[in-house]
Amino acid sequence: MQALVSFYGPLPAVFIGLSFNLGVVVLAIGSFITRAIPRWTSVLIAGSSLVLIGGVFSNPIGALGAALMLVGLGTVGLRLLKAPLLVGSETDRE
C-alpha cells in the first residue's frame, strides 16, 4: 500500500498512459459533438483509445488499437493539410 501512496514502481507510467487515453476520448467526444471532423472519425478515435487500454494485457490488441488510431488521426491530419487557407491569414503556404 505504501508503494501506491508514494508512487514507487511503474504506477506513474500507468497513470500517464490512462490519462492520455482519457484525453483522447474527451477530444473525440468534443469533435463528435461539434462536428469538427466526420463523426465516423470521432468514433474511430475514441474506440481505438479504448482498445489501446487493452494493449496493456495483449500485444496484438495494442497493435490493433494503434492501427485504428493511425487511421483515425491520420484522416484528421490529411483533412487539415488539404484545407484551404483562410483569407487574411498571416502565414501563407507557398
N, C-alpha and C. Protein backbone atom coordinates (compact mmCIF):
# COMPACT_ATOMS: atom_id res chain seq x y z
N MET A 1 0.81 -1.19 0.00
CA MET A 1 0.00 0.00 0.00
C MET A 1 0.86 1.26 0.00
N GLN A 2 2.00 1.20 0.66
CA GLN A 2 2.90 2.35 0.71
C GLN A 2 3.43 2.69 -0.69
N ALA A 3 3.61 1.68 -1.53
CA ALA A 3 4.09 1.92 -2.89
C ALA A 3 3.06 2.71 -3.70
N LEU A 4 1.77 2.47 -3.45
CA LEU A 4 0.73 3.22 -4.14
C LEU A 4 0.72 4.68 -3.70
N VAL A 5 0.89 4.91 -2.42
CA VAL A 5 0.83 6.26 -1.88
C VAL A 5 2.03 7.08 -2.33
N SER A 6 3.21 6.48 -2.35
CA SER A 6 4.42 7.23 -2.67
C SER A 6 4.84 7.11 -4.14
N PHE A 7 4.02 6.49 -4.99
CA PHE A 7 4.25 6.37 -6.42
C PHE A 7 5.56 5.67 -6.76
N TYR A 8 5.89 4.61 -6.06
CA TYR A 8 7.06 3.80 -6.40
C TYR A 8 6.68 2.80 -7.48
N GLY A 9 7.64 2.41 -8.26
CA GLY A 9 7.40 1.41 -9.28
C GLY A 9 6.78 1.98 -10.54
N PRO A 10 6.08 1.15 -11.31
CA PRO A 10 5.55 1.58 -12.60
C PRO A 10 4.22 2.33 -12.52
N LEU A 11 3.74 2.62 -11.34
CA LEU A 11 2.42 3.24 -11.20
C LEU A 11 2.32 4.60 -11.90
N PRO A 12 3.31 5.50 -11.80
CA PRO A 12 3.18 6.78 -12.53
C PRO A 12 3.06 6.60 -14.03
N ALA A 13 3.76 5.63 -14.60
CA ALA A 13 3.65 5.39 -16.04
C ALA A 13 2.26 4.91 -16.41
N VAL A 14 1.65 4.11 -15.56
CA VAL A 14 0.28 3.65 -15.82
C VAL A 14 -0.68 4.83 -15.77
N PHE A 15 -0.51 5.71 -14.80
CA PHE A 15 -1.37 6.89 -14.72
C PHE A 15 -1.23 7.78 -15.95
N ILE A 16 0.00 7.95 -16.43
CA ILE A 16 0.21 8.77 -17.63
C ILE A 16 -0.46 8.13 -18.84
N GLY A 17 -0.32 6.82 -18.98
CA GLY A 17 -0.96 6.13 -20.10
C GLY A 17 -2.47 6.22 -20.07
N LEU A 18 -3.05 6.04 -18.90
CA LEU A 18 -4.51 6.14 -18.78
C LEU A 18 -4.98 7.58 -18.97
N SER A 19 -4.19 8.54 -18.51
CA SER A 19 -4.55 9.95 -18.70
C SER A 19 -4.53 10.32 -20.18
N PHE A 20 -3.57 9.79 -20.92
CA PHE A 20 -3.52 10.04 -22.36
C PHE A 20 -4.78 9.50 -23.03
N ASN A 21 -5.16 8.28 -22.69
CA ASN A 21 -6.35 7.69 -23.30
C ASN A 21 -7.60 8.46 -22.91
N LEU A 22 -7.68 8.91 -21.68
CA LEU A 22 -8.83 9.70 -21.26
C LEU A 22 -8.89 11.01 -22.04
N GLY A 23 -7.74 11.65 -22.24
CA GLY A 23 -7.70 12.89 -23.02
C GLY A 23 -8.11 12.68 -24.47
N VAL A 24 -7.72 11.58 -25.06
CA VAL A 24 -8.10 11.29 -26.44
C VAL A 24 -9.60 11.03 -26.54
N VAL A 25 -10.17 10.35 -25.56
CA VAL A 25 -11.62 10.12 -25.56
C VAL A 25 -12.36 11.44 -25.44
N VAL A 26 -11.90 12.33 -24.56
CA VAL A 26 -12.54 13.65 -24.42
C VAL A 26 -12.42 14.44 -25.72
N LEU A 27 -11.27 14.38 -26.38
CA LEU A 27 -11.08 15.03 -27.67
C LEU A 27 -12.05 14.48 -28.71
N ALA A 28 -12.21 13.17 -28.74
CA ALA A 28 -13.11 12.54 -29.70
C ALA A 28 -14.56 12.92 -29.43
N ILE A 29 -14.95 12.98 -28.16
CA ILE A 29 -16.33 13.37 -27.82
C ILE A 29 -16.57 14.82 -28.22
N GLY A 30 -15.61 15.69 -27.94
CA GLY A 30 -15.76 17.10 -28.32
C GLY A 30 -15.86 17.29 -29.82
N SER A 31 -15.04 16.57 -30.57
CA SER A 31 -15.11 16.69 -32.03
C SER A 31 -16.36 16.03 -32.59
N PHE A 32 -16.89 15.04 -31.90
CA PHE A 32 -18.15 14.41 -32.33
C PHE A 32 -19.31 15.39 -32.15
N ILE A 33 -19.32 16.06 -31.01
CA ILE A 33 -20.43 16.98 -30.72
C ILE A 33 -20.37 18.21 -31.63
N THR A 34 -19.19 18.77 -31.84
CA THR A 34 -19.08 19.97 -32.66
C THR A 34 -19.01 19.69 -34.15
N ARG A 35 -18.90 18.43 -34.52
CA ARG A 35 -18.78 18.02 -35.92
C ARG A 35 -17.61 18.69 -36.62
N ALA A 36 -16.52 18.85 -35.88
CA ALA A 36 -15.31 19.43 -36.47
C ALA A 36 -14.67 18.48 -37.46
N ILE A 37 -14.85 17.20 -37.26
CA ILE A 37 -14.36 16.17 -38.17
C ILE A 37 -15.53 15.22 -38.41
N PRO A 38 -15.44 14.36 -39.43
CA PRO A 38 -16.53 13.42 -39.65
C PRO A 38 -16.80 12.56 -38.42
N ARG A 39 -18.06 12.26 -38.20
CA ARG A 39 -18.43 11.54 -36.98
C ARG A 39 -17.81 10.15 -36.91
N TRP A 40 -17.66 9.49 -38.05
CA TRP A 40 -17.06 8.15 -38.00
C TRP A 40 -15.61 8.23 -37.53
N THR A 41 -14.95 9.34 -37.85
CA THR A 41 -13.57 9.50 -37.41
C THR A 41 -13.51 9.68 -35.89
N SER A 42 -14.45 10.45 -35.35
CA SER A 42 -14.50 10.65 -33.89
C SER A 42 -14.75 9.33 -33.18
N VAL A 43 -15.67 8.54 -33.72
CA VAL A 43 -15.97 7.24 -33.11
C VAL A 43 -14.76 6.32 -33.20
N LEU A 44 -14.07 6.35 -34.33
CA LEU A 44 -12.88 5.51 -34.51
C LEU A 44 -11.76 5.91 -33.54
N ILE A 45 -11.57 7.20 -33.34
CA ILE A 45 -10.53 7.67 -32.42
C ILE A 45 -10.86 7.26 -30.99
N ALA A 46 -12.10 7.44 -30.57
CA ALA A 46 -12.49 7.05 -29.21
C ALA A 46 -12.38 5.54 -29.02
N GLY A 47 -12.84 4.79 -30.00
CA GLY A 47 -12.77 3.34 -29.90
C GLY A 47 -11.35 2.82 -29.87
N SER A 48 -10.48 3.42 -30.69
CA SER A 48 -9.10 2.97 -30.70
C SER A 48 -8.40 3.30 -29.38
N SER A 49 -8.78 4.39 -28.75
CA SER A 49 -8.20 4.71 -27.46
C SER A 49 -8.59 3.68 -26.41
N LEU A 50 -9.83 3.23 -26.47
CA LEU A 50 -10.27 2.21 -25.52
C LEU A 50 -9.60 0.86 -25.82
N VAL A 51 -9.39 0.56 -27.09
CA VAL A 51 -8.71 -0.68 -27.44
C VAL A 51 -7.25 -0.63 -27.00
N LEU A 52 -6.64 0.56 -27.04
CA LEU A 52 -5.25 0.69 -26.60
C LEU A 52 -5.09 0.36 -25.12
N ILE A 53 -6.13 0.59 -24.33
CA ILE A 53 -6.05 0.20 -22.92
C ILE A 53 -5.91 -1.31 -22.82
N GLY A 54 -6.57 -2.04 -23.69
CA GLY A 54 -6.42 -3.49 -23.72
C GLY A 54 -5.04 -3.93 -24.15
N GLY A 55 -4.28 -3.03 -24.79
CA GLY A 55 -2.92 -3.35 -25.19
C GLY A 55 -1.99 -3.57 -24.02
N VAL A 56 -2.41 -3.15 -22.83
CA VAL A 56 -1.61 -3.42 -21.64
C VAL A 56 -1.54 -4.92 -21.38
N PHE A 57 -2.59 -5.63 -21.73
CA PHE A 57 -2.68 -7.06 -21.45
C PHE A 57 -2.27 -7.94 -22.62
N SER A 58 -2.35 -7.42 -23.83
CA SER A 58 -2.06 -8.25 -25.00
C SER A 58 -1.45 -7.39 -26.10
N ASN A 59 -0.31 -7.82 -26.63
CA ASN A 59 0.35 -7.06 -27.70
C ASN A 59 -0.47 -6.98 -28.98
N PRO A 60 -1.12 -8.06 -29.45
CA PRO A 60 -1.92 -7.93 -30.67
C PRO A 60 -3.08 -6.95 -30.52
N ILE A 61 -3.67 -6.89 -29.35
CA ILE A 61 -4.76 -5.93 -29.12
C ILE A 61 -4.21 -4.51 -29.14
N GLY A 62 -3.04 -4.30 -28.55
CA GLY A 62 -2.40 -2.99 -28.60
C GLY A 62 -2.05 -2.57 -30.01
N ALA A 63 -1.58 -3.51 -30.82
CA ALA A 63 -1.26 -3.21 -32.22
C ALA A 63 -2.51 -2.84 -33.01
N LEU A 64 -3.62 -3.53 -32.73
CA LEU A 64 -4.88 -3.19 -33.39
C LEU A 64 -5.33 -1.79 -33.00
N GLY A 65 -5.24 -1.47 -31.71
CA GLY A 65 -5.63 -0.13 -31.25
C GLY A 65 -4.76 0.96 -31.87
N ALA A 66 -3.46 0.70 -31.99
CA ALA A 66 -2.56 1.69 -32.60
C ALA A 66 -2.87 1.87 -34.08
N ALA A 67 -3.19 0.78 -34.77
CA ALA A 67 -3.53 0.88 -36.20
C ALA A 67 -4.83 1.66 -36.39
N LEU A 68 -5.82 1.41 -35.54
CA LEU A 68 -7.08 2.15 -35.64
C LEU A 68 -6.87 3.63 -35.35
N MET A 69 -6.02 3.94 -34.36
CA MET A 69 -5.75 5.34 -34.05
C MET A 69 -4.99 6.01 -35.19
N LEU A 70 -4.10 5.28 -35.85
CA LEU A 70 -3.39 5.82 -37.01
C LEU A 70 -4.37 6.19 -38.11
N VAL A 71 -5.35 5.34 -38.36
CA VAL A 71 -6.34 5.64 -39.40
C VAL A 71 -7.18 6.85 -39.00
N GLY A 72 -7.63 6.89 -37.75
CA GLY A 72 -8.48 7.99 -37.32
C GLY A 72 -7.76 9.32 -37.29
N LEU A 73 -6.61 9.38 -36.63
CA LEU A 73 -5.87 10.64 -36.55
C LEU A 73 -5.21 10.99 -37.87
N GLY A 74 -4.85 9.99 -38.67
CA GLY A 74 -4.31 10.25 -39.99
C GLY A 74 -5.32 10.90 -40.90
N THR A 75 -6.58 10.49 -40.79
CA THR A 75 -7.65 11.11 -41.57
C THR A 75 -7.81 12.57 -41.19
N VAL A 76 -7.76 12.85 -39.90
CA VAL A 76 -7.86 14.24 -39.44
C VAL A 76 -6.69 15.06 -39.98
N GLY A 77 -5.49 14.51 -39.92
CA GLY A 77 -4.32 15.21 -40.41
C GLY A 77 -4.39 15.50 -41.91
N LEU A 78 -4.83 14.52 -42.69
CA LEU A 78 -4.94 14.74 -44.13
C LEU A 78 -5.99 15.79 -44.46
N ARG A 79 -7.10 15.79 -43.72
CA ARG A 79 -8.13 16.81 -43.96
C ARG A 79 -7.59 18.20 -43.64
N LEU A 80 -6.78 18.32 -42.59
CA LEU A 80 -6.22 19.63 -42.25
C LEU A 80 -5.19 20.08 -43.29
N LEU A 81 -4.41 19.15 -43.82
CA LEU A 81 -3.44 19.51 -44.84
C LEU A 81 -4.10 19.95 -46.14
N LYS A 82 -5.25 19.38 -46.45
CA LYS A 82 -5.95 19.72 -47.68
C LYS A 82 -6.90 20.90 -47.52
N ALA A 83 -7.05 21.41 -46.30
CA ALA A 83 -7.98 22.52 -46.06
C ALA A 83 -7.46 23.78 -46.73
N PRO A 84 -8.38 24.58 -47.27
CA PRO A 84 -7.94 25.84 -47.89
C PRO A 84 -7.49 26.83 -46.82
N LEU A 85 -6.62 27.73 -47.23
CA LEU A 85 -6.15 28.77 -46.33
C LEU A 85 -7.27 29.78 -46.08
N LEU A 86 -7.29 30.32 -44.90
CA LEU A 86 -8.25 31.37 -44.60
C LEU A 86 -7.76 32.68 -45.23
N VAL A 87 -8.69 33.46 -45.73
CA VAL A 87 -8.34 34.74 -46.34
C VAL A 87 -7.89 35.68 -45.23
N GLY A 88 -6.77 36.32 -45.45
CA GLY A 88 -6.26 37.28 -44.47
C GLY A 88 -5.40 36.65 -43.40
N SER A 89 -5.02 35.38 -43.58
CA SER A 89 -4.16 34.75 -42.58
C SER A 89 -2.75 35.31 -42.72
N GLU A 90 -2.02 35.30 -41.63
CA GLU A 90 -0.70 35.90 -41.63
C GLU A 90 0.36 35.02 -42.28
N THR A 91 0.13 33.72 -42.29
CA THR A 91 1.10 32.82 -42.91
C THR A 91 0.53 32.29 -44.21
N ASP A 92 1.38 32.17 -45.19
CA ASP A 92 0.98 31.66 -46.49
C ASP A 92 1.74 30.40 -46.81
N ARG A 93 1.04 29.44 -47.40
CA ARG A 93 1.71 28.24 -47.90
C ARG A 93 2.14 28.51 -49.33
N GLU A 94 3.39 28.26 -49.62
CA GLU A 94 3.85 28.51 -50.99
C GLU A 94 4.43 27.27 -51.58
